[in-house]
């Protein structure tokens, strides 16, 4: 079964996927999953009454692929997207995403996957990127920054990155995304980060 899963490039799967792939009963799939998880051949990424998710332990999917699949709908944003686009120099441990659903957090393969809720009308500004021959939804640089400023304005985050690389940000596009949140405080935050960016860089 493992070889066929690899052949089909089924990086993440649930019991129903295996039932359809192998055309076997739910009981047979349940036995396969239980036995191989115990042996360490499978890793359970998510436990859920509506559908647990698994991956082969020797073919673990990309973190971004896992993030998009663990909690749907969602797109990668905030710290992870800012790092991905080179707006912050820090390496981010864990993956941060945006969702129109309830805020959630999962741990899979010793990595924390965090999902922050926004209203449906601002759930936008992401594009598909390819990872492991799979499409992953990633925030555009400007939307990742707008999402970040939104949670700072809500006092749920703090502006703790010393310097943002705003050369990679199109200011007009950032303003467009900030407007859809309809929060005046976000414009003040934007002015603050641009004022900081214009300061001469300190030499240590």
Protein backbone atom coordinates (compact mmCIF):
# COMPACT_ATOMS: atom_id res chain seq x y z
CA UNK A 1 0.00 0.00 0.00
CA UNK A 2 2.84 2.42 0.87
CA UNK A 3 4.35 2.14 -2.63
CA UNK A 4 1.03 2.88 -4.29
CA UNK A 5 0.52 5.91 -2.04
CA UNK A 6 3.97 7.19 -3.12
CA UNK A 7 3.23 6.41 -6.76
CA UNK A 8 0.06 8.50 -6.61
CA UNK A 9 1.97 11.28 -4.79
CA UNK A 10 -0.68 11.27 -2.10
CA UNK A 11 1.35 13.39 0.31
CA UNK A 12 -1.50 13.81 2.80
CA UNK A 13 -4.46 11.48 3.01
CA UNK A 14 -7.42 10.47 5.12
CA UNK A 15 -9.13 7.09 5.49
CA UNK A 16 -11.64 7.98 2.77
CA UNK A 17 -8.81 8.68 0.30
CA UNK A 18 -7.39 5.20 0.99
CA UNK A 19 -10.83 3.57 0.65
CA UNK A 20 -11.21 5.10 -2.81
CA UNK A 21 -7.60 4.47 -3.88
CA UNK A 22 -7.51 0.76 -2.95
CA UNK A 23 -11.23 0.03 -3.28
CA UNK A 24 -11.33 -1.72 0.06
CA UNK A 25 -13.65 -1.52 3.04
CA UNK A 26 -13.46 1.10 5.79
CA UNK A 27 -12.57 -1.70 8.21
CA UNK A 28 -9.56 -2.74 6.09
CA UNK A 29 -8.37 0.87 5.89
CA UNK A 30 -8.86 1.33 9.62
CA UNK A 31 -6.73 -1.76 10.30
CA UNK A 32 -4.02 -0.60 7.84
CA UNK A 33 -3.87 2.89 9.37
CA UNK A 34 -3.82 1.65 12.98
CA UNK A 35 -1.13 -0.99 12.34
CA UNK A 36 1.16 1.25 10.30
CA UNK A 37 0.84 4.23 12.64
CA UNK A 38 1.87 1.92 15.48
CA UNK A 39 4.86 0.71 13.43
CA UNK A 40 5.89 4.29 12.71
CA UNK A 41 5.37 3.97 8.97
CA UNK A 42 2.53 6.51 9.08
CA UNK A 43 2.36 9.80 10.97
CA UNK A 44 -0.98 11.16 12.05
CA UNK A 45 -1.00 14.86 11.25
CA UNK A 46 -4.47 15.59 12.58
CA UNK A 47 -6.97 13.73 14.71
CA UNK A 48 -10.57 14.63 14.00
CA UNK A 49 -13.98 13.06 14.20
CA UNK A 50 -14.73 14.55 10.78
CA UNK A 51 -11.59 13.08 9.25
CA UNK A 52 -8.06 12.41 10.51
CA UNK A 53 -5.11 13.11 8.21
CA UNK A 54 -1.95 11.03 7.72
CA UNK A 55 1.35 11.05 5.84
CA UNK A 56 4.04 8.47 5.16
CA UNK A 57 6.85 8.95 7.71
CA UNK A 58 9.56 8.53 5.04
CA UNK A 59 7.85 10.95 2.62
CA UNK A 60 6.75 13.79 4.85
CA UNK A 61 5.14 16.61 2.88
CA UNK A 62 6.39 20.18 2.74
CA UNK A 63 5.29 22.27 5.76
CA UNK A 64 3.34 24.62 3.48
CA UNK A 65 1.48 21.69 1.93
CA UNK A 66 0.57 20.44 5.41
CA UNK A 67 -0.53 23.93 6.51
CA UNK A 68 -2.96 24.32 3.62
CA UNK A 69 -4.48 20.88 4.17
CA UNK A 70 -4.73 20.74 7.97
CA UNK A 71 -7.37 23.46 8.19
CA UNK A 72 -9.39 24.49 5.16
CA UNK A 73 -9.96 27.05 3.80
CA UNK A 74 -6.73 28.85 4.70
CA UNK A 75 -3.75 30.57 3.13
CA UNK A 76 -0.23 31.06 4.50
CA UNK A 77 0.35 34.60 5.76
CA UNK A 78 1.70 36.71 8.64
CA UNK A 79 5.22 35.79 9.86
CA UNK A 80 5.65 32.78 7.56
CA UNK A 81 4.68 34.67 4.41
CA UNK A 82 6.71 37.73 5.44
CA UNK A 83 9.76 35.48 5.83
CA UNK A 84 9.00 33.63 2.57
CA UNK A 85 8.90 36.95 0.65
CA UNK A 86 12.07 38.25 2.36
CA UNK A 87 10.31 41.10 4.18
CA UNK A 88 11.68 39.92 7.51
CA UNK A 89 15.12 38.31 7.81
CA UNK A 90 14.17 36.02 10.68
CA UNK A 91 13.70 32.29 10.23
CA UNK A 92 10.21 31.39 11.36
CA UNK A 93 9.58 28.21 13.30
CA UNK A 94 6.06 26.98 12.80
CA UNK A 95 3.65 28.03 10.06
CA UNK A 96 1.17 30.90 10.32
CA UNK A 97 -1.98 31.03 8.22
CA UNK A 98 -5.18 33.03 7.81
CA UNK A 99 -8.67 31.47 7.78
CA UNK A 100 -12.27 32.74 7.75
CA UNK A 101 -13.07 29.99 10.26
CA UNK A 102 -12.45 29.85 14.01
CA UNK A 103 -8.89 30.53 15.19
CA UNK A 104 -7.11 27.19 15.72
CA UNK A 105 -3.70 25.70 16.39
CA UNK A 106 -2.41 22.22 15.60
CA UNK A 107 0.83 20.38 16.24
CA UNK A 108 1.98 17.98 13.53
CA UNK A 109 5.42 16.42 13.28
CA UNK A 110 6.63 18.65 16.16
CA UNK A 111 5.71 21.78 14.19
CA UNK A 112 3.05 24.26 15.33
CA UNK A 113 0.52 25.32 12.69
CA UNK A 114 -1.42 28.45 13.71
CA UNK A 115 -4.56 29.76 12.00
CA UNK A 116 -5.82 33.28 12.73
CA UNK A 117 -9.36 34.28 11.84
CA UNK A 118 -10.34 37.22 9.64
CA UNK A 119 -13.77 38.20 8.32
CA UNK A 120 -14.80 36.65 5.02
CA UNK A 121 -14.71 40.03 3.24
CA UNK A 122 -10.95 40.39 3.88
CA UNK A 123 -10.12 36.77 3.13
CA UNK A 124 -8.25 37.58 -0.09
CA UNK A 125 -4.86 38.61 -1.45
CA UNK A 126 -3.32 35.16 -1.88
CA UNK A 127 -1.92 33.37 -4.90
CA UNK A 128 -1.18 29.74 -5.76
CA UNK A 129 2.44 28.62 -5.59
CA UNK A 130 3.80 25.17 -6.42
CA UNK A 131 5.35 22.97 -3.72
CA UNK A 132 6.00 19.24 -4.22
CA UNK A 133 3.87 19.30 -7.39
CA UNK A 134 1.02 20.57 -5.23
CA UNK A 135 -0.68 23.95 -5.29
CA UNK A 136 -0.37 25.91 -2.03
CA UNK A 137 -2.08 29.22 -1.27
CA UNK A 138 0.37 31.94 -0.16
CA UNK A 139 -0.40 35.57 0.72
CA UNK A 140 1.03 38.22 -1.56
CA UNK A 141 3.74 40.30 0.19
CA UNK A 142 1.41 43.29 0.65
CA UNK A 143 -1.45 41.18 1.99
CA UNK A 144 0.84 39.33 4.41
CA UNK A 145 1.92 42.71 5.79
CA UNK A 146 -1.66 44.03 5.90
CA UNK A 147 -2.75 40.89 7.80
CA UNK A 148 0.14 41.43 10.20
CA UNK A 149 -0.78 45.09 10.82
CA UNK A 150 -4.41 44.07 11.36
CA UNK A 151 -3.55 41.80 14.28
CA UNK A 152 -1.22 44.44 15.73
CA UNK A 153 -4.08 46.95 15.53
CA UNK A 154 -6.30 44.42 17.35
CA UNK A 155 -3.61 44.23 20.08
CA UNK A 156 -3.27 40.51 19.45
CA UNK A 157 0.30 40.93 18.21
CA UNK A 158 3.13 43.39 18.71
CA UNK A 159 5.42 45.05 16.19
CA UNK A 160 8.43 43.07 17.35
CA UNK A 161 10.47 42.87 14.14
CA UNK A 162 13.13 45.58 14.31
CA UNK A 163 13.21 46.30 10.62
CA UNK A 164 10.96 45.35 7.71
CA UNK A 165 12.35 45.22 4.17
CA UNK A 166 9.76 47.44 2.51
CA UNK A 167 11.63 47.51 -0.81
CA UNK A 168 9.68 44.40 -1.72
CA UNK A 169 6.35 46.06 -0.88
CA UNK A 170 4.29 48.04 -3.40
CA UNK A 171 2.87 50.79 -1.22
CA UNK A 172 -0.20 51.38 -3.40
CA UNK A 173 -1.09 47.70 -3.22
CA UNK A 174 -0.54 47.66 0.55
CA UNK A 175 -2.91 50.64 0.91
CA UNK A 176 -5.52 48.82 -1.17
CA UNK A 177 -5.43 45.85 1.17
CA UNK A 178 -5.40 47.99 4.32
CA UNK A 179 -8.55 49.81 3.16
CA UNK A 180 -10.62 46.63 3.04
CA UNK A 181 -10.08 46.11 6.80
CA UNK A 182 -11.73 49.49 7.53
CA UNK A 183 -9.54 50.15 10.60
CA UNK A 184 -7.99 53.67 10.76
CA UNK A 185 -5.32 52.48 13.19
CA UNK A 186 -3.76 50.35 10.43
CA UNK A 187 -2.87 53.49 8.43
CA UNK A 188 -1.01 54.89 11.46
CA UNK A 189 0.87 51.61 11.82
CA UNK A 190 1.80 51.73 8.15
CA UNK A 191 3.16 55.27 8.56
CA UNK A 192 5.15 54.08 11.57
CA UNK A 193 6.86 51.19 9.77
CA UNK A 194 7.68 53.39 6.77
CA UNK A 195 9.17 56.07 9.06
CA UNK A 196 11.31 53.37 10.68
CA UNK A 197 12.34 52.03 7.28
CA UNK A 198 13.52 55.47 6.15
CA UNK A 199 15.87 55.85 9.13
CA UNK A 200 19.57 55.20 8.44
CA UNK A 201 20.46 51.60 9.22
CA UNK A 202 22.47 51.16 12.39
CA UNK A 203 25.99 49.78 12.08
CA UNK A 204 27.13 47.57 14.92
